[in-house]
Amino acid sequence: MLNINKNANANELKVVLEGRLDTTTAPTLEADLKGSLDGVTKLIFDLEKLEYISSAGLRVLLSSQKIMNKQGAMVITNTSEAVKEIFDVTGFSDILSFE
């Protein structure tokens, strides 16, 4: 199960994820983001309450990063130890920006 809370402020969009981002929930997040990134120059993912991320979830973050490279910046904040370890093991720590 994944809860997605979006908070838009001018050109900034904050996406708070809670639960599991996996093959079941990644398409929901991807669809949700598709219409939300127009005009956004800063995308923030708050992963404080994200318990798990799979390769499908990583793919959604990577595609969001590619979009944001063209129109602004993307950062990931409040990563838990378990999720941070997945980023480290997969090499995503080097690709994505963390705060």
C-alpha atoms as a PDB file:
ATOM      1  CA  MET A   1       0.000   0.000   0.000  1.00  0.00           C
ATOM      2  CA  LEU A   2       1.237   3.473  -0.868  1.00  0.00           C
ATOM      3  CA  ASN A   3      -0.110   6.845   0.225  1.00  0.00           C
ATOM      4  CA  ILE A   4       0.795   9.768  -2.022  1.00  0.00           C
ATOM      5  CA  ASN A   5       0.392  13.287  -0.669  1.00  0.00           C
ATOM      6  CA  LYS A   6       1.182  16.169  -2.984  1.00  0.00           C
ATOM      7  CA  ASN A   7       1.728  19.732  -1.879  1.00  0.00           C
ATOM      8  CA  ALA A   8       2.161  22.318  -4.639  1.00  0.00           C
ATOM      9  CA  ASN A   9       3.545  25.773  -3.911  1.00  0.00           C
ATOM     10  CA  ALA A  10       4.138  28.025  -6.929  1.00  0.00           C
ATOM     11  CA  ASN A  11       6.670  26.125  -9.094  1.00  0.00           C
ATOM     12  CA  GLU A  12       7.552  23.668  -6.335  1.00  0.00           C
ATOM     13  CA  LEU A  13       5.918  20.281  -5.870  1.00  0.00           C
ATOM     14  CA  LYS A  14       6.478  18.186  -2.754  1.00  0.00           C
ATOM     15  CA  VAL A  15       5.484  14.535  -2.938  1.00  0.00           C
ATOM     16  CA  VAL A  16       5.288  12.689   0.382  1.00  0.00           C
ATOM     17  CA  LEU A  17       5.299   8.910   0.019  1.00  0.00           C
ATOM     18  CA  GLU A  18       4.154   6.603   2.788  1.00  0.00           C
ATOM     19  CA  GLY A  19       4.215   2.800   2.684  1.00  0.00           C
ATOM     20  CA  ARG A  20       5.714   0.646  -0.072  1.00  0.00           C
ATOM     21  CA  LEU A  21       6.753   1.744  -3.558  1.00  0.00           C
ATOM     22  CA  ASP A  22       6.855  -1.533  -5.496  1.00  0.00           C
ATOM     23  CA  THR A  23       5.576  -3.174  -8.692  1.00  0.00           C
ATOM     24  CA  THR A  24       1.989  -2.876  -7.442  1.00  0.00           C
ATOM     25  CA  THR A  25       2.088   0.810  -6.447  1.00  0.00           C
ATOM     26  CA  ALA A  26       4.706   2.280  -8.836  1.00  0.00           C
ATOM     27  CA  PRO A  27       2.251   2.616 -11.781  1.00  0.00           C
ATOM     28  CA  THR A  28      -0.092   4.625  -9.522  1.00  0.00           C
ATOM     29  CA  LEU A  29       2.685   7.054  -8.602  1.00  0.00           C
ATOM     30  CA  GLU A  30       3.816   7.303 -12.223  1.00  0.00           C
ATOM     31  CA  ALA A  31       0.294   8.112 -13.415  1.00  0.00           C
ATOM     32  CA  ASP A  32      -0.175  10.566 -10.559  1.00  0.00           C
ATOM     33  CA  LEU A  33       3.030  12.428 -11.420  1.00  0.00           C
ATOM     34  CA  LYS A  34       2.422  12.529 -15.174  1.00  0.00           C
ATOM     35  CA  GLY A  35      -0.064  15.374 -15.013  1.00  0.00           C
ATOM     36  CA  SER A  36       1.558  17.090 -12.045  1.00  0.00           C
ATOM     37  CA  LEU A  37       4.983  18.103 -13.356  1.00  0.00           C
ATOM     38  CA  ASP A  38       3.944  20.734 -15.916  1.00  0.00           C
ATOM     39  CA  GLY A  39       5.513  24.038 -14.914  1.00  0.00           C
ATOM     40  CA  VAL A  40       7.273  22.531 -11.886  1.00  0.00           C
ATOM     41  CA  THR A  41      10.883  23.677 -11.481  1.00  0.00           C
ATOM     42  CA  LYS A  42      11.565  21.949  -8.151  1.00  0.00           C
ATOM     43  CA  LEU A  43      10.334  18.469  -7.320  1.00  0.00           C
ATOM     44  CA  ILE A  44      10.849  17.190  -3.787  1.00  0.00           C
ATOM     45  CA  PHE A  45      10.249  13.590  -2.742  1.00  0.00           C
ATOM     46  CA  ASP A  46       9.871  13.197   1.021  1.00  0.00           C
ATOM     47  CA  LEU A  47      10.567   9.545   1.819  1.00  0.00           C
ATOM     48  CA  GLU A  48      10.486   9.713   5.623  1.00  0.00           C
ATOM     49  CA  LYS A  49       7.564   7.256   5.813  1.00  0.00           C
ATOM     50  CA  LEU A  50       8.540   5.102   2.839  1.00  0.00           C
ATOM     51  CA  GLU A  51       9.257   1.594   4.140  1.00  0.00           C
ATOM     52  CA  TYR A  52      10.407  -0.087   0.933  1.00  0.00           C
ATOM     53  CA  ILE A  53      11.271   0.714  -2.691  1.00  0.00           C
ATOM     54  CA  SER A  54      11.629  -1.864  -5.479  1.00  0.00           C
ATOM     55  CA  SER A  55      13.216  -1.585  -8.918  1.00  0.00           C
ATOM     56  CA  ALA A  56       9.826  -0.448 -10.264  1.00  0.00           C
ATOM     57  CA  GLY A  57       9.814   2.386  -7.734  1.00  0.00           C
ATOM     58  CA  LEU A  58      13.393   3.309  -8.605  1.00  0.00           C
ATOM     59  CA  ARG A  59      12.375   3.464 -12.269  1.00  0.00           C
ATOM     60  CA  VAL A  60       9.618   5.995 -11.470  1.00  0.00           C
ATOM     61  CA  LEU A  61      12.119   8.173  -9.560  1.00  0.00           C
ATOM     62  CA  LEU A  62      14.594   7.926 -12.432  1.00  0.00           C
ATOM     63  CA  SER A  63      12.011   8.928 -15.044  1.00  0.00           C
ATOM     64  CA  SER A  64      10.957  11.852 -12.806  1.00  0.00           C
ATOM     65  CA  GLN A  65      14.632  12.858 -12.568  1.00  0.00           C
ATOM     66  CA  LYS A  66      14.924  12.827 -16.382  1.00  0.00           C
ATOM     67  CA  ILE A  67      11.891  15.097 -16.721  1.00  0.00           C
ATOM     68  CA  MET A  68      13.174  17.455 -14.012  1.00  0.00           C
ATOM     69  CA  ASN A  69      16.656  17.623 -15.593  1.00  0.00           C
ATOM     70  CA  LYS A  70      14.963  19.468 -18.476  1.00  0.00           C
ATOM     71  CA  GLN A  71      12.855  21.857 -16.408  1.00  0.00           C
ATOM     72  CA  GLY A  72      14.511  22.285 -13.020  1.00  0.00           C
ATOM     73  CA  ALA A  73      15.699  20.122 -10.142  1.00  0.00           C
ATOM     74  CA  MET A  74      14.628  17.117  -8.130  1.00  0.00           C
ATOM     75  CA  VAL A  75      15.698  16.271  -4.588  1.00  0.00           C
ATOM     76  CA  ILE A  76      14.940  13.419  -2.227  1.00  0.00           C
ATOM     77  CA  THR A  77      14.638  14.181   1.471  1.00  0.00           C
ATOM     78  CA  ASN A  78      14.217  12.285   4.760  1.00  0.00           C
ATOM     79  CA  THR A  79      15.309   8.890   3.440  1.00  0.00           C
ATOM     80  CA  SER A  80      15.072   6.086   6.006  1.00  0.00           C
ATOM     81  CA  GLU A  81      18.093   3.843   6.574  1.00  0.00           C
ATOM     82  CA  ALA A  82      16.428   0.867   4.868  1.00  0.00           C
ATOM     83  CA  VAL A  83      15.517   2.862   1.743  1.00  0.00           C
ATOM     84  CA  LYS A  84      18.897   4.650   1.720  1.00  0.00           C
ATOM     85  CA  GLU A  85      20.600   1.247   1.671  1.00  0.00           C
ATOM     86  CA  ILE A  86      18.606   0.283  -1.446  1.00  0.00           C
ATOM     87  CA  PHE A  87      19.717   3.530  -3.135  1.00  0.00           C
ATOM     88  CA  ASP A  88      23.338   2.770  -2.172  1.00  0.00           C
ATOM     89  CA  VAL A  89      23.298  -0.859  -3.338  1.00  0.00           C
ATOM     90  CA  THR A  90      21.693  -0.002  -6.696  1.00  0.00           C
ATOM     91  CA  GLY A  91      23.982   2.977  -7.345  1.00  0.00           C
ATOM     92  CA  PHE A  92      21.033   5.382  -7.333  1.00  0.00           C
ATOM     93  CA  SER A  93      22.767   7.375  -4.578  1.00  0.00           C
ATOM     94  CA  ASP A  94      25.119   8.628  -7.300  1.00  0.00           C
ATOM     95  CA  ILE A  95      22.361   9.442  -9.790  1.00  0.00           C
ATOM     96  CA  LEU A  96      19.794  11.192  -7.596  1.00  0.00           C
ATOM     97  CA  SER A  97      20.167  14.270  -5.382  1.00  0.00           C
ATOM     98  CA  PHE A  98      19.598  13.920  -1.639  1.00  0.00           C
ATOM     99  CA  GLU A  99      19.131  16.538   1.071  1.00  0.00           C
END
